[in-house]
Amino acid sequence: MKYIAFLRGINVGKNNIIPMKDLRNLFSVMGFKNIKTYLRSGNVIFESNEKDMNNISSKISENIENSSGFWIDCILMSQKDFIFFN
């Protein structure tokens, strides 16, 4: 299934900087596929066989904290919920 993750508060000003290349690599390490980022926005489109959106969201936030040292809230939507991407 295709998802979009909205990562709140990254790459805003000089705080919580995560290069998009690093973010794509982190999503890849987590097992997600077809990962795309949008500029430095912190928005990530990806695919996963996982169906539990709470589990996916927690996994993303926890992995970002473990790799970057700061907590980021992740708002996750499925393709069914977000009709503007395909």
C-alpha atoms as a PDB file:
ATOM      1  CA  MET A   1       0.000   0.000   0.000  1.00  0.00           C
ATOM      2  CA  LYS A   2       1.157   3.546  -0.701  1.00  0.00           C
ATOM      3  CA  TYR A   3       1.485   6.037   2.173  1.00  0.00           C
ATOM      4  CA  ILE A   4       2.519   9.624   2.726  1.00  0.00           C
ATOM      5  CA  ALA A   5       4.294  10.659   5.914  1.00  0.00           C
ATOM      6  CA  PHE A   6       4.174  14.287   6.998  1.00  0.00           C
ATOM      7  CA  LEU A   7       7.098  14.797   9.368  1.00  0.00           C
ATOM      8  CA  ARG A   8       6.412  17.785  11.552  1.00  0.00           C
ATOM      9  CA  GLY A   9       9.143  20.270  12.327  1.00  0.00           C
ATOM     10  CA  ILE A  10      12.098  19.007  10.327  1.00  0.00           C
ATOM     11  CA  ASN A  11      14.269  21.314   8.248  1.00  0.00           C
ATOM     12  CA  VAL A  12      12.584  24.424   9.615  1.00  0.00           C
ATOM     13  CA  GLY A  13      15.127  27.138  10.222  1.00  0.00           C
ATOM     14  CA  LYS A  14      18.296  25.708  11.741  1.00  0.00           C
ATOM     15  CA  ASN A  15      16.580  23.100  13.912  1.00  0.00           C
ATOM     16  CA  ASN A  16      16.012  19.385  13.358  1.00  0.00           C
ATOM     17  CA  ILE A  17      17.867  19.214  10.050  1.00  0.00           C
ATOM     18  CA  ILE A  18      17.679  15.935   8.162  1.00  0.00           C
ATOM     19  CA  PRO A  19      19.004  15.844   4.593  1.00  0.00           C
ATOM     20  CA  MET A  20      16.456  14.226   2.286  1.00  0.00           C
ATOM     21  CA  LYS A  21      19.057  11.702   1.108  1.00  0.00           C
ATOM     22  CA  ASP A  22      19.509  10.570   4.714  1.00  0.00           C
ATOM     23  CA  LEU A  23      15.755  10.453   5.228  1.00  0.00           C
ATOM     24  CA  ARG A  24      15.289   8.285   2.115  1.00  0.00           C
ATOM     25  CA  ASN A  25      18.072   5.982   3.316  1.00  0.00           C
ATOM     26  CA  LEU A  26      16.445   5.691   6.754  1.00  0.00           C
ATOM     27  CA  PHE A  27      13.081   4.784   5.191  1.00  0.00           C
ATOM     28  CA  SER A  28      14.874   2.195   3.065  1.00  0.00           C
ATOM     29  CA  VAL A  29      16.548   0.673   6.126  1.00  0.00           C
ATOM     30  CA  MET A  30      13.097   0.433   7.749  1.00  0.00           C
ATOM     31  CA  GLY A  31      12.036  -1.752   4.813  1.00  0.00           C
ATOM     32  CA  PHE A  32       9.876   0.717   2.908  1.00  0.00           C
ATOM     33  CA  LYS A  33       9.919   0.741  -0.905  1.00  0.00           C
ATOM     34  CA  ASN A  34       9.584   3.296  -3.735  1.00  0.00           C
ATOM     35  CA  ILE A  35      10.549   6.151  -1.428  1.00  0.00           C
ATOM     36  CA  LYS A  36      10.176   9.718  -2.681  1.00  0.00           C
ATOM     37  CA  THR A  37      10.742  12.964  -0.822  1.00  0.00           C
ATOM     38  CA  TYR A  38       9.598  16.436  -1.723  1.00  0.00           C
ATOM     39  CA  LEU A  39      12.316  19.093  -1.563  1.00  0.00           C
ATOM     40  CA  ARG A  40      13.277  19.685   2.094  1.00  0.00           C
ATOM     41  CA  SER A  41       9.693  19.527   3.299  1.00  0.00           C
ATOM     42  CA  GLY A  42       9.837  16.331   5.330  1.00  0.00           C
ATOM     43  CA  ASN A  43       7.033  14.828   3.280  1.00  0.00           C
ATOM     44  CA  VAL A  44       7.774  11.252   2.227  1.00  0.00           C
ATOM     45  CA  ILE A  45       5.770   9.031  -0.115  1.00  0.00           C
ATOM     46  CA  PHE A  46       6.545   5.333   0.197  1.00  0.00           C
ATOM     47  CA  GLU A  47       5.120   1.838  -0.068  1.00  0.00           C
ATOM     48  CA  SER A  48       4.812  -0.792   2.636  1.00  0.00           C
ATOM     49  CA  ASN A  49       3.088  -4.140   3.103  1.00  0.00           C
ATOM     50  CA  GLU A  50       2.384  -3.107   6.717  1.00  0.00           C
ATOM     51  CA  LYS A  51      -1.270  -2.240   7.263  1.00  0.00           C
ATOM     52  CA  ASP A  52      -1.171  -0.908  10.839  1.00  0.00           C
ATOM     53  CA  MET A  53      -0.732   2.838  10.355  1.00  0.00           C
ATOM     54  CA  ASN A  54      -0.126   3.474  14.065  1.00  0.00           C
ATOM     55  CA  ASN A  55       2.724   0.969  13.984  1.00  0.00           C
ATOM     56  CA  ILE A  56       4.219   2.556  10.854  1.00  0.00           C
ATOM     57  CA  SER A  57       3.985   6.068  12.303  1.00  0.00           C
ATOM     58  CA  SER A  58       5.600   5.009  15.584  1.00  0.00           C
ATOM     59  CA  LYS A  59       8.322   3.123  13.726  1.00  0.00           C
ATOM     60  CA  ILE A  60       9.175   6.219  11.672  1.00  0.00           C
ATOM     61  CA  SER A  61       9.294   8.572  14.676  1.00  0.00           C
ATOM     62  CA  GLU A  62      11.343   6.125  16.761  1.00  0.00           C
ATOM     63  CA  ASN A  63      13.855   5.498  13.976  1.00  0.00           C
ATOM     64  CA  ILE A  64      14.297   9.221  13.350  1.00  0.00           C
ATOM     65  CA  GLU A  65      14.893   9.767  17.065  1.00  0.00           C
ATOM     66  CA  ASN A  66      17.418   6.911  17.179  1.00  0.00           C
ATOM     67  CA  SER A  67      19.328   8.183  14.148  1.00  0.00           C
ATOM     68  CA  SER A  68      19.033  11.960  14.655  1.00  0.00           C
ATOM     69  CA  GLY A  69      18.631  12.405  18.399  1.00  0.00           C
ATOM     70  CA  PHE A  70      15.350  14.301  18.282  1.00  0.00           C
ATOM     71  CA  TRP A  71      11.692  13.251  18.244  1.00  0.00           C
ATOM     72  CA  ILE A  72       9.551  14.080  15.225  1.00  0.00           C
ATOM     73  CA  ASP A  73       5.798  13.587  15.113  1.00  0.00           C
ATOM     74  CA  CYS A  74       4.698  11.658  12.046  1.00  0.00           C
ATOM     75  CA  ILE A  75       1.277  12.190  10.518  1.00  0.00           C
ATOM     76  CA  LEU A  76       0.588   9.268   8.231  1.00  0.00           C
ATOM     77  CA  MET A  77      -2.056   8.936   5.541  1.00  0.00           C
ATOM     78  CA  SER A  78      -2.781   6.099   3.165  1.00  0.00           C
ATOM     79  CA  GLN A  79      -3.349   6.596  -0.526  1.00  0.00           C
ATOM     80  CA  LYS A  80      -7.049   5.954   0.076  1.00  0.00           C
ATOM     81  CA  ASP A  81      -7.142   8.860   2.535  1.00  0.00           C
ATOM     82  CA  PHE A  82      -5.059  11.226   0.463  1.00  0.00           C
ATOM     83  CA  ILE A  83      -6.448  11.280  -3.041  1.00  0.00           C
ATOM     84  CA  PHE A  84      -3.974  13.757  -4.552  1.00  0.00           C
ATOM     85  CA  PHE A  85      -1.069  11.371  -5.075  1.00  0.00           C
ATOM     86  CA  ASN A  86      -0.813   8.214  -7.127  1.00  0.00           C
END
